[in-house]
PDB file of N, CA and C in Angstrom:
ATOM      1  N   ALA A   1      -3.943  11.655  20.388  1.00  0.00           N
ATOM      2  CA  ALA A   1      -4.811  12.047  19.289  1.00  0.00           C
ATOM      3  C   ALA A   1      -4.374  11.311  18.033  1.00  0.00           C
ATOM      4  N   ALA A   2      -5.348  10.812  17.306  1.00  0.00           N
ATOM      5  CA  ALA A   2      -5.064  10.125  16.048  1.00  0.00           C
ATOM      6  C   ALA A   2      -5.002  11.152  14.932  1.00  0.00           C
ATOM      7  N   GLY A   3      -4.302  10.822  13.902  1.00  0.00           N
ATOM      8  CA  GLY A   3      -4.214  11.726  12.764  1.00  0.00           C
ATOM      9  C   GLY A   3      -3.382  11.107  11.670  1.00  0.00           C
ATOM     10  N   ALA A   4      -3.376  11.769  10.559  1.00  0.00           N
ATOM     11  CA  ALA A   4      -2.596  11.287   9.426  1.00  0.00           C
ATOM     12  C   ALA A   4      -2.171  12.475   8.588  1.00  0.00           C
ATOM     13  N   ASN A   5      -1.086  12.307   7.899  1.00  0.00           N
ATOM     14  CA  ASN A   5      -0.616  13.325   6.976  1.00  0.00           C
ATOM     15  C   ASN A   5      -1.026  13.019   5.548  1.00  0.00           C
ATOM     16  N   GLY A   6      -1.613  11.862   5.323  1.00  0.00           N
ATOM     17  CA  GLY A   6      -1.998  11.503   3.971  1.00  0.00           C
ATOM     18  C   GLY A   6      -2.574  10.106   3.941  1.00  0.00           C
ATOM     19  N   GLY A   7      -2.887   9.663   2.787  1.00  0.00           N
ATOM     20  CA  GLY A   7      -3.445   8.328   2.616  1.00  0.00           C
ATOM     21  C   GLY A   7      -3.293   7.892   1.175  1.00  0.00           C
ATOM     22  N   ILE A   8      -3.594   6.660   0.946  1.00  0.00           N
ATOM     23  CA  ILE A   8      -3.556   6.100  -0.403  1.00  0.00           C
ATOM     24  C   ILE A   8      -4.982   5.709  -0.748  1.00  0.00           C
ATOM     25  N   SER A   9      -5.483   6.264  -1.820  1.00  0.00           N
ATOM     26  CA  SER A   9      -6.866   6.047  -2.215  1.00  0.00           C
ATOM     27  C   SER A   9      -6.949   5.135  -3.430  1.00  0.00           C
ATOM     28  N   GLY A  10      -7.650   4.021  -3.265  1.00  0.00           N
ATOM     29  CA  GLY A  10      -7.904   3.167  -4.416  1.00  0.00           C
ATOM     30  C   GLY A  10      -8.785   3.876  -5.426  1.00  0.00           C
ATOM     31  N   VAL A  11      -9.737   4.661  -4.929  1.00  0.00           N
ATOM     32  CA  VAL A  11     -10.627   5.403  -5.824  1.00  0.00           C
ATOM     33  C   VAL A  11      -9.828   6.332  -6.730  1.00  0.00           C
ATOM     34  N   ALA A  12      -8.770   6.916  -6.197  1.00  0.00           N
ATOM     35  CA  ALA A  12      -7.967   7.854  -6.984  1.00  0.00           C
ATOM     36  C   ALA A  12      -7.318   7.189  -8.198  1.00  0.00           C
ATOM     37  N   SER A  13      -7.153   5.878  -8.163  1.00  0.00           N
ATOM     38  CA  SER A  13      -6.571   5.201  -9.323  1.00  0.00           C
ATOM     39  C   SER A  13      -7.535   5.174 -10.501  1.00  0.00           C
ATOM     40  N   ALA A  14      -8.823   5.196 -10.232  1.00  0.00           N
ATOM     41  CA  ALA A  14      -9.819   5.115 -11.295  1.00  0.00           C
ATOM     42  C   ALA A  14     -10.594   6.416 -11.492  1.00  0.00           C
ATOM     43  N   LEU A  15     -10.601   7.258 -10.471  1.00  0.00           N
ATOM     44  CA  LEU A  15     -11.354   8.503 -10.528  1.00  0.00           C
ATOM     45  C   LEU A  15     -10.601   9.583  -9.744  1.00  0.00           C
ATOM     46  N   PRO A  16      -9.393   9.938 -10.210  1.00  0.00           N
ATOM     47  CA  PRO A  16      -8.565  10.869  -9.441  1.00  0.00           C
ATOM     48  C   PRO A  16      -9.192  12.245  -9.257  1.00  0.00           C
ATOM     49  N   GLU A  17     -10.068  12.622 -10.150  1.00  0.00           N
ATOM     50  CA  GLU A  17     -10.663  13.954 -10.073  1.00  0.00           C
ATOM     51  C   GLU A  17     -11.441  14.180  -8.776  1.00  0.00           C
ATOM     52  N   LEU A  18     -12.097  13.138  -8.273  1.00  0.00           N
ATOM     53  CA  LEU A  18     -12.956  13.305  -7.099  1.00  0.00           C
ATOM     54  C   LEU A  18     -12.164  13.600  -5.822  1.00  0.00           C
ATOM     55  N   PRO A  19     -11.189  12.781  -5.429  1.00  0.00           N
ATOM     56  CA  PRO A  19     -10.441  13.144  -4.223  1.00  0.00           C
ATOM     57  C   PRO A  19      -9.646  14.443  -4.384  1.00  0.00           C
ATOM     58  N   VAL A  20      -9.173  14.736  -5.591  1.00  0.00           N
ATOM     59  CA  VAL A  20      -8.455  15.996  -5.812  1.00  0.00           C
ATOM     60  C   VAL A  20      -9.403  17.178  -5.617  1.00  0.00           C
ATOM     61  N   ALA A  21     -10.617  17.072  -6.139  1.00  0.00           N
ATOM     62  CA  ALA A  21     -11.591  18.160  -5.994  1.00  0.00           C
ATOM     63  C   ALA A  21     -11.983  18.354  -4.530  1.00  0.00           C
ATOM     64  N   ILE A  22     -12.126  17.253  -3.787  1.00  0.00           N
ATOM     65  CA  ILE A  22     -12.434  17.365  -2.359  1.00  0.00           C
ATOM     66  C   ILE A  22     -11.289  18.083  -1.648  1.00  0.00           C
ATOM     67  N   TYR A  23     -10.067  17.696  -1.944  1.00  0.00           N
ATOM     68  CA  TYR A  23      -8.888  18.329  -1.344  1.00  0.00           C
ATOM     69  C   TYR A  23      -8.861  19.821  -1.651  1.00  0.00           C
ATOM     70  N   ARG A  24      -9.058  20.172  -2.911  1.00  0.00           N
ATOM     71  CA  ARG A  24      -9.033  21.587  -3.304  1.00  0.00           C
ATOM     72  C   ARG A  24     -10.122  22.380  -2.588  1.00  0.00           C
ATOM     73  N   ALA A  25     -11.309  21.795  -2.480  1.00  0.00           N
ATOM     74  CA  ALA A  25     -12.409  22.494  -1.812  1.00  0.00           C
ATOM     75  C   ALA A  25     -12.080  22.737  -0.343  1.00  0.00           C
ATOM     76  N   VAL A  26     -11.550  21.735   0.327  1.00  0.00           N
ATOM     77  CA  VAL A  26     -11.184  21.884   1.740  1.00  0.00           C
ATOM     78  C   VAL A  26     -10.092  22.938   1.886  1.00  0.00           C
ATOM     79  N   LYS A  27      -9.053  22.853   1.046  1.00  0.00           N
ATOM     80  CA  LYS A  27      -7.942  23.809   1.135  1.00  0.00           C
ATOM     81  C   LYS A  27      -8.399  25.245   0.901  1.00  0.00           C
ATOM     82  N   SER A  28      -9.406  25.432   0.053  1.00  0.00           N
ATOM     83  CA  SER A  28      -9.887  26.790  -0.233  1.00  0.00           C
ATOM     84  C   SER A  28     -10.958  27.242   0.760  1.00  0.00           C
ATOM     85  N   GLY A  29     -11.334  26.348   1.685  1.00  0.00           N
ATOM     86  CA  GLY A  29     -12.347  26.702   2.680  1.00  0.00           C
ATOM     87  C   GLY A  29     -13.779  26.552   2.190  1.00  0.00           C
ATOM     88  N   ASP A  30     -13.961  25.941   1.029  1.00  0.00           N
ATOM     89  CA  ASP A  30     -15.300  25.756   0.471  1.00  0.00           C
ATOM     90  C   ASP A  30     -15.877  24.438   0.995  1.00  0.00           C
ATOM     91  N   MET A  31     -16.339  24.487   2.227  1.00  0.00           N
ATOM     92  CA  MET A  31     -16.810  23.264   2.871  1.00  0.00           C
ATOM     93  C   MET A  31     -18.125  22.770   2.273  1.00  0.00           C
ATOM     94  N   ARG A  32     -18.911  23.653   1.701  1.00  0.00           N
ATOM     95  CA  ARG A  32     -20.165  23.224   1.059  1.00  0.00           C
ATOM     96  C   ARG A  32     -19.855  22.320  -0.132  1.00  0.00           C
ATOM     97  N   THR A  33     -18.903  22.727  -0.958  1.00  0.00           N
ATOM     98  CA  THR A  33     -18.506  21.898  -2.104  1.00  0.00           C
ATOM     99  C   THR A  33     -17.836  20.621  -1.625  1.00  0.00           C
ATOM    100  N   ALA A  34     -16.963  20.739  -0.636  1.00  0.00           N
ATOM    101  CA  ALA A  34     -16.286  19.551  -0.105  1.00  0.00           C
ATOM    102  C   ALA A  34     -17.303  18.539   0.412  1.00  0.00           C
ATOM    103  N   SER A  35     -18.318  19.016   1.100  1.00  0.00           N
ATOM    104  CA  SER A  35     -19.357  18.123   1.631  1.00  0.00           C
ATOM    105  C   SER A  35     -20.156  17.467   0.507  1.00  0.00           C
ATOM    106  N   ALA A  36     -20.514  18.249  -0.500  1.00  0.00           N
ATOM    107  CA  ALA A  36     -21.276  17.697  -1.637  1.00  0.00           C
ATOM    108  C   ALA A  36     -20.460  16.643  -2.378  1.00  0.00           C
ATOM    109  N   LEU A  37     -19.176  16.929  -2.585  1.00  0.00           N
ATOM    110  CA  LEU A  37     -18.324  15.956  -3.266  1.00  0.00           C
ATOM    111  C   LEU A  37     -18.077  14.726  -2.402  1.00  0.00           C
ATOM    112  N   SER A  38     -17.986  14.907  -1.105  1.00  0.00           N
ATOM    113  CA  SER A  38     -17.835  13.765  -0.190  1.00  0.00           C
ATOM    114  C   SER A  38     -19.058  12.870  -0.246  1.00  0.00           C
ATOM    115  N   THR A  39     -20.225  13.467  -0.405  1.00  0.00           N
ATOM    116  CA  THR A  39     -21.452  12.679  -0.562  1.00  0.00           C
ATOM    117  C   THR A  39     -21.381  11.842  -1.832  1.00  0.00           C
ATOM    118  N   GLU A  40     -20.863  12.420  -2.906  1.00  0.00           N
ATOM    119  CA  GLU A  40     -20.690  11.667  -4.156  1.00  0.00           C
ATOM    120  C   GLU A  40     -19.711  10.515  -3.950  1.00  0.00           C
ATOM    121  N   LEU A  41     -18.631  10.785  -3.237  1.00  0.00           N
ATOM    122  CA  LEU A  41     -17.651   9.739  -2.937  1.00  0.00           C
ATOM    123  C   LEU A  41     -18.288   8.624  -2.117  1.00  0.00           C
ATOM    124  N   ASP A  42     -19.098   8.982  -1.135  1.00  0.00           N
ATOM    125  CA  ASP A  42     -19.778   7.972  -0.320  1.00  0.00           C
ATOM    126  C   ASP A  42     -20.689   7.086  -1.163  1.00  0.00           C
ATOM    127  N   GLN A  43     -21.395   7.698  -2.124  1.00  0.00           N
ATOM    128  CA  GLN A  43     -22.250   6.901  -3.023  1.00  0.00           C
ATOM    129  C   GLN A  43     -21.403   5.902  -3.807  1.00  0.00           C
ATOM    130  N   LEU A  44     -20.291   6.380  -4.330  1.00  0.00           N
ATOM    131  CA  LEU A  44     -19.406   5.503  -5.104  1.00  0.00           C
ATOM    132  C   LEU A  44     -18.855   4.382  -4.225  1.00  0.00           C
ATOM    133  N   LEU A  45     -18.417   4.722  -3.035  1.00  0.00           N
ATOM    134  CA  LEU A  45     -17.856   3.702  -2.134  1.00  0.00           C
ATOM    135  C   LEU A  45     -18.896   2.651  -1.759  1.00  0.00           C
ATOM    136  N   SER A  46     -20.160   3.056  -1.642  1.00  0.00           N
ATOM    137  CA  SER A  46     -21.200   2.070  -1.314  1.00  0.00           C
ATOM    138  C   SER A  46     -21.349   1.046  -2.434  1.00  0.00           C
ATOM    139  N   TRP A  47     -21.089   1.445  -3.671  1.00  0.00           N
ATOM    140  CA  TRP A  47     -21.085   0.486  -4.777  1.00  0.00           C
ATOM    141  C   TRP A  47     -19.819  -0.363  -4.769  1.00  0.00           C
ATOM    142  N   ILE A  48     -18.683   0.286  -4.600  1.00  0.00           N
ATOM    143  CA  ILE A  48     -17.396  -0.409  -4.676  1.00  0.00           C
ATOM    144  C   ILE A  48     -17.324  -1.564  -3.684  1.00  0.00           C
ATOM    145  N   GLU A  49     -17.848  -1.373  -2.481  1.00  0.00           N
ATOM    146  CA  GLU A  49     -17.724  -2.409  -1.453  1.00  0.00           C
ATOM    147  C   GLU A  49     -18.574  -3.650  -1.735  1.00  0.00           C
ATOM    148  N   LYS A  50     -19.391  -3.611  -2.765  1.00  0.00           N
ATOM    149  CA  LYS A  50     -20.222  -4.764  -3.124  1.00  0.00           C
ATOM    150  C   LYS A  50     -19.468  -5.805  -3.948  1.00  0.00           C
ATOM    151  N   PHE A  51     -18.250  -5.470  -4.386  1.00  0.00           N
ATOM    152  CA  PHE A  51     -17.524  -6.315  -5.326  1.00  0.00           C
ATOM    153  C   PHE A  51     -16.182  -6.762  -4.758  1.00  0.00           C
ATOM    154  N   PRO A  52     -15.587  -7.777  -5.392  1.00  0.00           N
ATOM    155  CA  PRO A  52     -14.240  -8.177  -4.983  1.00  0.00           C
ATOM    156  C   PRO A  52     -13.271  -7.000  -5.137  1.00  0.00           C
ATOM    157  N   PRO A  53     -12.190  -7.028  -4.358  1.00  0.00           N
ATOM    158  CA  PRO A  53     -11.206  -5.941  -4.470  1.00  0.00           C
ATOM    159  C   PRO A  53     -10.800  -5.717  -5.926  1.00  0.00           C
ATOM    160  N   MET A  54     -10.733  -4.489  -6.304  1.00  0.00           N
ATOM    161  CA  MET A  54     -10.322  -4.002  -7.624  1.00  0.00           C
ATOM    162  C   MET A  54     -11.372  -4.159  -8.717  1.00  0.00           C
ATOM    163  N   ALA A  55     -12.370  -5.004  -8.559  1.00  0.00           N
ATOM    164  CA  ALA A  55     -13.344  -5.218  -9.637  1.00  0.00           C
ATOM    165  C   ALA A  55     -14.078  -3.928  -9.983  1.00  0.00           C
ATOM    166  N   ALA A  56     -14.576  -3.216  -8.994  1.00  0.00           N
ATOM    167  CA  ALA A  56     -15.313  -1.980  -9.267  1.00  0.00           C
ATOM    168  C   ALA A  56     -14.389  -0.902  -9.824  1.00  0.00           C
ATOM    169  N   LEU A  57     -13.163  -0.826  -9.289  1.00  0.00           N
ATOM    170  CA  LEU A  57     -12.227   0.180  -9.792  1.00  0.00           C
ATOM    171  C   LEU A  57     -11.875  -0.077 -11.250  1.00  0.00           C
ATOM    172  N   LYS A  58     -11.696  -1.340 -11.596  1.00  0.00           N
ATOM    173  CA  LYS A  58     -11.406  -1.674 -12.993  1.00  0.00           C
ATOM    174  C   LYS A  58     -12.635  -1.425 -13.872  1.00  0.00           C
ATOM    175  N   GLN A  59     -13.821  -1.616 -13.315  1.00  0.00           N
ATOM    176  CA  GLN A  59     -15.037  -1.326 -14.078  1.00  0.00           C
ATOM    177  C   GLN A  59     -15.150   0.174 -14.339  1.00  0.00           C
ATOM    178  N   ILE A  60     -14.771   0.988 -13.360  1.00  0.00           N
ATOM    179  CA  ILE A  60     -14.761   2.440 -13.573  1.00  0.00           C
ATOM    180  C   ILE A  60     -13.799   2.776 -14.712  1.00  0.00           C
ATOM    181  N   ALA A  61     -12.621   2.188 -14.693  1.00  0.00           N
ATOM    182  CA  ALA A  61     -11.641   2.429 -15.753  1.00  0.00           C
ATOM    183  C   ALA A  61     -12.188   1.999 -17.110  1.00  0.00           C
ATOM    184  N   GLN A  62     -12.940   0.920 -17.136  1.00  0.00           N
ATOM    185  CA  GLN A  62     -13.527   0.474 -18.406  1.00  0.00           C
ATOM    186  C   GLN A  62     -14.593   1.455 -18.878  1.00  0.00           C
ATOM    187  N   VAL A  63     -15.451   1.897 -17.985  1.00  0.00           N
ATOM    188  CA  VAL A  63     -16.488   2.863 -18.361  1.00  0.00           C
ATOM    189  C   VAL A  63     -15.838   4.149 -18.886  1.00  0.00           C
ATOM    190  N   ARG A  64     -14.698   4.491 -18.326  1.00  0.00           N
ATOM    191  CA  ARG A  64     -13.976   5.687 -18.774  1.00  0.00           C
ATOM    192  C   ARG A  64     -13.170   5.414 -20.042  1.00  0.00           C
ATOM    193  N   ARG A  65     -13.225   4.178 -20.520  1.00  0.00           N
ATOM    194  CA  ARG A  65     -12.512   3.740 -21.728  1.00  0.00           C
ATOM    195  C   ARG A  65     -10.991   3.821 -21.570  1.00  0.00           C
ATOM    196  N   TRP A  66     -10.542   3.565 -20.358  1.00  0.00           N
ATOM    197  CA  TRP A  66      -9.104   3.544 -20.086  1.00  0.00           C
ATOM    198  C   TRP A  66      -8.529   2.167 -20.340  1.00  0.00           C
ATOM    199  N   LEU A  67      -9.281   1.108 -20.022  1.00  0.00           N
ATOM    200  CA  LEU A  67      -8.814  -0.252 -20.241  1.00  0.00           C
ATOM    201  C   LEU A  67      -9.987  -1.211 -20.191  1.00  0.00           C
ATOM    202  N   PRO A  68      -9.878  -2.321 -20.907  1.00  0.00           N
ATOM    203  CA  PRO A  68     -10.948  -3.322 -20.832  1.00  0.00           C
ATOM    204  C   PRO A  68     -10.888  -4.062 -19.500  1.00  0.00           C
ATOM    205  N   PHE A  69     -12.020  -4.559 -19.056  1.00  0.00           N
ATOM    206  CA  PHE A  69     -12.065  -5.263 -17.776  1.00  0.00           C
ATOM    207  C   PHE A  69     -12.746  -6.608 -17.934  1.00  0.00           C
ATOM    208  N   THR A  70     -12.038  -7.636 -17.547  1.00  0.00           N
ATOM    209  CA  THR A  70     -12.585  -8.978 -17.400  1.00  0.00           C
ATOM    210  C   THR A  70     -12.138  -9.448 -16.023  1.00  0.00           C
ATOM    211  N   PRO A  71     -13.086  -9.800 -15.156  1.00  0.00           N
ATOM    212  CA  PRO A  71     -12.689 -10.229 -13.807  1.00  0.00           C
ATOM    213  C   PRO A  71     -11.703 -11.397 -13.855  1.00  0.00           C
ATOM    214  N   ALA A  72     -10.700 -11.356 -12.979  1.00  0.00           N
ATOM    215  CA  ALA A  72      -9.711 -12.441 -12.909  1.00  0.00           C
ATOM    216  C   ALA A  72     -10.373 -13.742 -12.500  1.00  0.00           C
ATOM    217  N   VAL A  73     -11.364 -13.632 -11.627  1.00  0.00           N
ATOM    218  CA  VAL A  73     -12.151 -14.781 -11.186  1.00  0.00           C
ATOM    219  C   VAL A  73     -13.582 -14.510 -11.633  1.00  0.00           C
ATOM    220  N   PRO A  74     -14.198 -15.438 -12.350  1.00  0.00           N
ATOM    221  CA  PRO A  74     -15.563 -15.187 -12.827  1.00  0.00           C
ATOM    222  C   PRO A  74     -16.504 -14.846 -11.665  1.00  0.00           C
ATOM    223  N   LEU A  75     -17.348 -13.835 -11.892  1.00  0.00           N
ATOM    224  CA  LEU A  75     -18.328 -13.440 -10.890  1.00  0.00           C
ATOM    225  C   LEU A  75     -19.532 -14.366 -10.960  1.00  0.00           C
ATOM    226  N   ASP A  76     -20.163 -14.611  -9.807  1.00  0.00           N
ATOM    227  CA  ASP A  76     -21.391 -15.405  -9.816  1.00  0.00           C
ATOM    228  C   ASP A  76     -22.507 -14.576 -10.458  1.00  0.00           C
ATOM    229  N   LYS A  77     -23.637 -15.226 -10.743  1.00  0.00           N
ATOM    230  CA  LYS A  77     -24.732 -14.552 -11.456  1.00  0.00           C
ATOM    231  C   LYS A  77     -25.228 -13.317 -10.718  1.00  0.00           C
ATOM    232  N   THR A  78     -25.299 -13.381  -9.397  1.00  0.00           N
ATOM    233  CA  THR A  78     -25.751 -12.235  -8.612  1.00  0.00           C
ATOM    234  C   THR A  78     -24.775 -11.072  -8.757  1.00  0.00           C
ATOM    235  N   SER A  79     -23.486 -11.363  -8.660  1.00  0.00           N
ATOM    236  CA  SER A  79     -22.473 -10.312  -8.797  1.00  0.00           C
ATOM    237  C   SER A  79     -22.434  -9.762 -10.220  1.00  0.00           C
ATOM    238  N   GLN A  80     -22.646 -10.603 -11.210  1.00  0.00           N
ATOM    239  CA  GLN A  80     -22.692 -10.133 -12.595  1.00  0.00           C
ATOM    240  C   GLN A  80     -23.844  -9.136 -12.779  1.00  0.00           C
ATOM    241  N   ALA A  81     -25.014  -9.482 -12.225  1.00  0.00           N
ATOM    242  CA  ALA A  81     -26.173  -8.588 -12.317  1.00  0.00           C
ATOM    243  C   ALA A  81     -25.889  -7.279 -11.583  1.00  0.00           C
ATOM    244  N   GLU A  82     -25.277  -7.387 -10.411  1.00  0.00           N
ATOM    245  CA  GLU A  82     -24.941  -6.194  -9.632  1.00  0.00           C
ATOM    246  C   GLU A  82     -23.931  -5.329 -10.383  1.00  0.00           C
ATOM    247  N   LEU A  83     -22.976  -5.949 -11.057  1.00  0.00           N
ATOM    248  CA  LEU A  83     -21.992  -5.200 -11.839  1.00  0.00           C
ATOM    249  C   LEU A  83     -22.671  -4.468 -12.999  1.00  0.00           C
ATOM    250  N   ARG A  84     -23.667  -5.086 -13.616  1.00  0.00           N
ATOM    251  CA  ARG A  84     -24.426  -4.409 -14.678  1.00  0.00           C
ATOM    252  C   ARG A  84     -25.163  -3.191 -14.112  1.00  0.00           C
ATOM    253  N   HIS A  85     -25.774  -3.357 -12.939  1.00  0.00           N
ATOM    254  CA  HIS A  85     -26.472  -2.228 -12.297  1.00  0.00           C
ATOM    255  C   HIS A  85     -25.480  -1.113 -11.943  1.00  0.00           C
ATOM    256  N   PHE A  86     -24.323  -1.496 -11.425  1.00  0.00           N
ATOM    257  CA  PHE A  86     -23.291  -0.518 -11.100  1.00  0.00           C
ATOM    258  C   PHE A  86     -22.861   0.234 -12.351  1.00  0.00           C
ATOM    259  N   THR A  87     -22.646  -0.486 -13.442  1.00  0.00           N
ATOM    260  CA  THR A  87     -22.211   0.146 -14.687  1.00  0.00           C
ATOM    261  C   THR A  87     -23.245   1.146 -15.179  1.00  0.00           C
ATOM    262  N   LYS A  88     -24.509   0.768 -15.138  1.00  0.00           N
ATOM    263  CA  LYS A  88     -25.584   1.675 -15.549  1.00  0.00           C
ATOM    264  C   LYS A  88     -25.598   2.918 -14.659  1.00  0.00           C
ATOM    265  N   TRP A  89     -25.525   2.701 -13.339  1.00  0.00           N
ATOM    266  CA  TRP A  89     -25.497   3.826 -12.402  1.00  0.00           C
ATOM    267  C   TRP A  89     -24.292   4.711 -12.686  1.00  0.00           C
ATOM    268  N   LEU A  90     -23.126   4.103 -12.884  1.00  0.00           N
ATOM    269  CA  LEU A  90     -21.885   4.832 -13.111  1.00  0.00           C
ATOM    270  C   LEU A  90     -21.962   5.673 -14.385  1.00  0.00           C
ATOM    271  N   GLU A  91     -22.509   5.105 -15.441  1.00  0.00           N
ATOM    272  CA  GLU A  91     -22.620   5.839 -16.705  1.00  0.00           C
ATOM    273  C   GLU A  91     -23.505   7.071 -16.562  1.00  0.00           C
ATOM    274  N   GLU A  92     -24.491   7.005 -15.667  1.00  0.00           N
ATOM    275  CA  GLU A  92     -25.358   8.158 -15.418  1.00  0.00           C
ATOM    276  C   GLU A  92     -24.720   9.134 -14.428  1.00  0.00           C
ATOM    277  N   TRP A  93     -24.024   8.629 -13.442  1.00  0.00           N
ATOM    278  CA  TRP A  93     -23.451   9.419 -12.356  1.00  0.00           C
ATOM    279  C   TRP A  93     -22.166  10.134 -12.749  1.00  0.00           C
ATOM    280  N   LEU A  94     -21.346   9.479 -13.549  1.00  0.00           N
ATOM    281  CA  LEU A  94     -19.991   9.955 -13.835  1.00  0.00           C
ATOM    282  C   LEU A  94     -19.934  11.325 -14.508  1.00  0.00           C
ATOM    283  N   PRO A  95     -20.687  11.604 -15.565  1.00  0.00           N
ATOM    284  CA  PRO A  95     -20.542  12.908 -16.226  1.00  0.00           C
ATOM    285  C   PRO A  95     -20.795  14.102 -15.296  1.00  0.00           C
ATOM    286  N   ALA A  96     -21.846  14.036 -14.513  1.00  0.00           N
ATOM    287  CA  ALA A  96     -22.152  15.146 -13.602  1.00  0.00           C
ATOM    288  C   ALA A  96     -21.098  15.263 -12.506  1.00  0.00           C
ATOM    289  N   THR A  97     -20.612  14.129 -12.037  1.00  0.00           N
ATOM    290  CA  THR A  97     -19.595  14.155 -10.992  1.00  0.00           C
ATOM    291  C   THR A  97     -18.290  14.729 -11.527  1.00  0.00           C
ATOM    292  N   LEU A  98     -17.890  14.325 -12.722  1.00  0.00           N
ATOM    293  CA  LEU A  98     -16.679  14.891 -13.319  1.00  0.00           C
ATOM    294  C   LEU A  98     -16.832  16.396 -13.538  1.00  0.00           C
ATOM    295  N   ALA A  99     -18.006  16.824 -13.963  1.00  0.00           N
ATOM    296  CA  ALA A  99     -18.249  18.259 -14.146  1.00  0.00           C
ATOM    297  C   ALA A  99     -18.135  18.996 -12.815  1.00  0.00           C
ATOM    298  N   ALA A 100     -18.670  18.401 -11.752  1.00  0.00           N
ATOM    299  CA  ALA A 100     -18.598  19.024 -10.428  1.00  0.00           C
ATOM    300  C   ALA A 100     -17.162  19.083  -9.911  1.00  0.00           C
ATOM    301  N   CYS A 101     -16.314  18.202 -10.405  1.00  0.00           N
ATOM    302  CA  CYS A 101     -14.918  18.153  -9.968  1.00  0.00           C
ATOM    303  C   CYS A 101     -14.027  19.123 -10.732  1.00  0.00           C
ATOM    304  N   SER A 102     -14.510  19.656 -11.830  1.00  0.00           N
ATOM    305  CA  SER A 102     -13.691  20.547 -12.653  1.00  0.00           C
ATOM    306  C   SER A 102     -13.374  21.819 -11.892  1.00  0.00           C
ATOM    307  N   PRO A 103     -12.114  22.225 -11.935  1.00  0.00           N
ATOM    308  CA  PRO A 103     -11.757  23.479 -11.247  1.00  0.00           C
ATOM    309  C   PRO A 103     -12.544  24.645 -11.833  1.00  0.00           C
ATOM    310  N   ARG A 104     -13.032  25.495 -10.965  1.00  0.00           N
ATOM    311  CA  ARG A 104     -13.752  26.688 -11.391  1.00  0.00           C
ATOM    312  C   ARG A 104     -12.730  27.800 -11.654  1.00  0.00           C
ATOM    313  N   PRO A 105     -12.888  28.504 -12.753  1.00  0.00           N
ATOM    314  CA  PRO A 105     -11.945  29.612 -12.986  1.00  0.00           C
ATOM    315  C   PRO A 105     -12.141  30.676 -11.899  1.00  0.00           C
ATOM    316  N   SER A 106     -11.039  31.205 -11.434  1.00  0.00           N
ATOM    317  CA  SER A 106     -11.149  32.235 -10.416  1.00  0.00           C
ATOM    318  C   SER A 106     -11.479  33.570 -11.084  1.00  0.00           C
ATOM    319  N   VAL A 107     -12.259  34.355 -10.390  1.00  0.00           N
ATOM    320  CA  VAL A 107     -12.664  35.661 -10.899  1.00  0.00           C
ATOM    321  C   VAL A 107     -11.823  36.695 -10.180  1.00  0.00           C
ATOM    322  N   ARG A 108     -11.128  37.487 -10.952  1.00  0.00           N
ATOM    323  CA  ARG A 108     -10.287  38.545 -10.362  1.00  0.00           C
ATOM    324  C   ARG A 108     -10.914  39.894 -10.667  1.00  0.00           C
ATOM    325  N   SER A 109     -10.887  40.738  -9.677  1.00  0.00           N
ATOM    326  CA  SER A 109     -11.461  42.065  -9.900  1.00  0.00           C
ATOM    327  C   SER A 109     -10.409  43.088 -10.194  1.00  0.00           C
TER     328      SER A 109
END
């Protein structure tokens, strides 16, 4: 049987809230939230795989105003246009996703 005790997530370097929220949801048994957040992660990964390694992650960091991003190797015109589309999508997607990742206060009776 295959298995793992952990992994290293490139996404976590630029958007740590998402994998942490998925982990918390799974640990608490909230599979509905875990599934919804996994869908958000899948959307993000579909964008990330369109670019050279680290380019999309650094773009996420730039959108979050963590650091400026200039590709180490200039992108071709098609990739530049795709990066603009990704940035626009990210700016719309990120606030709601971060809100969905926020821990919910527990209610005690």
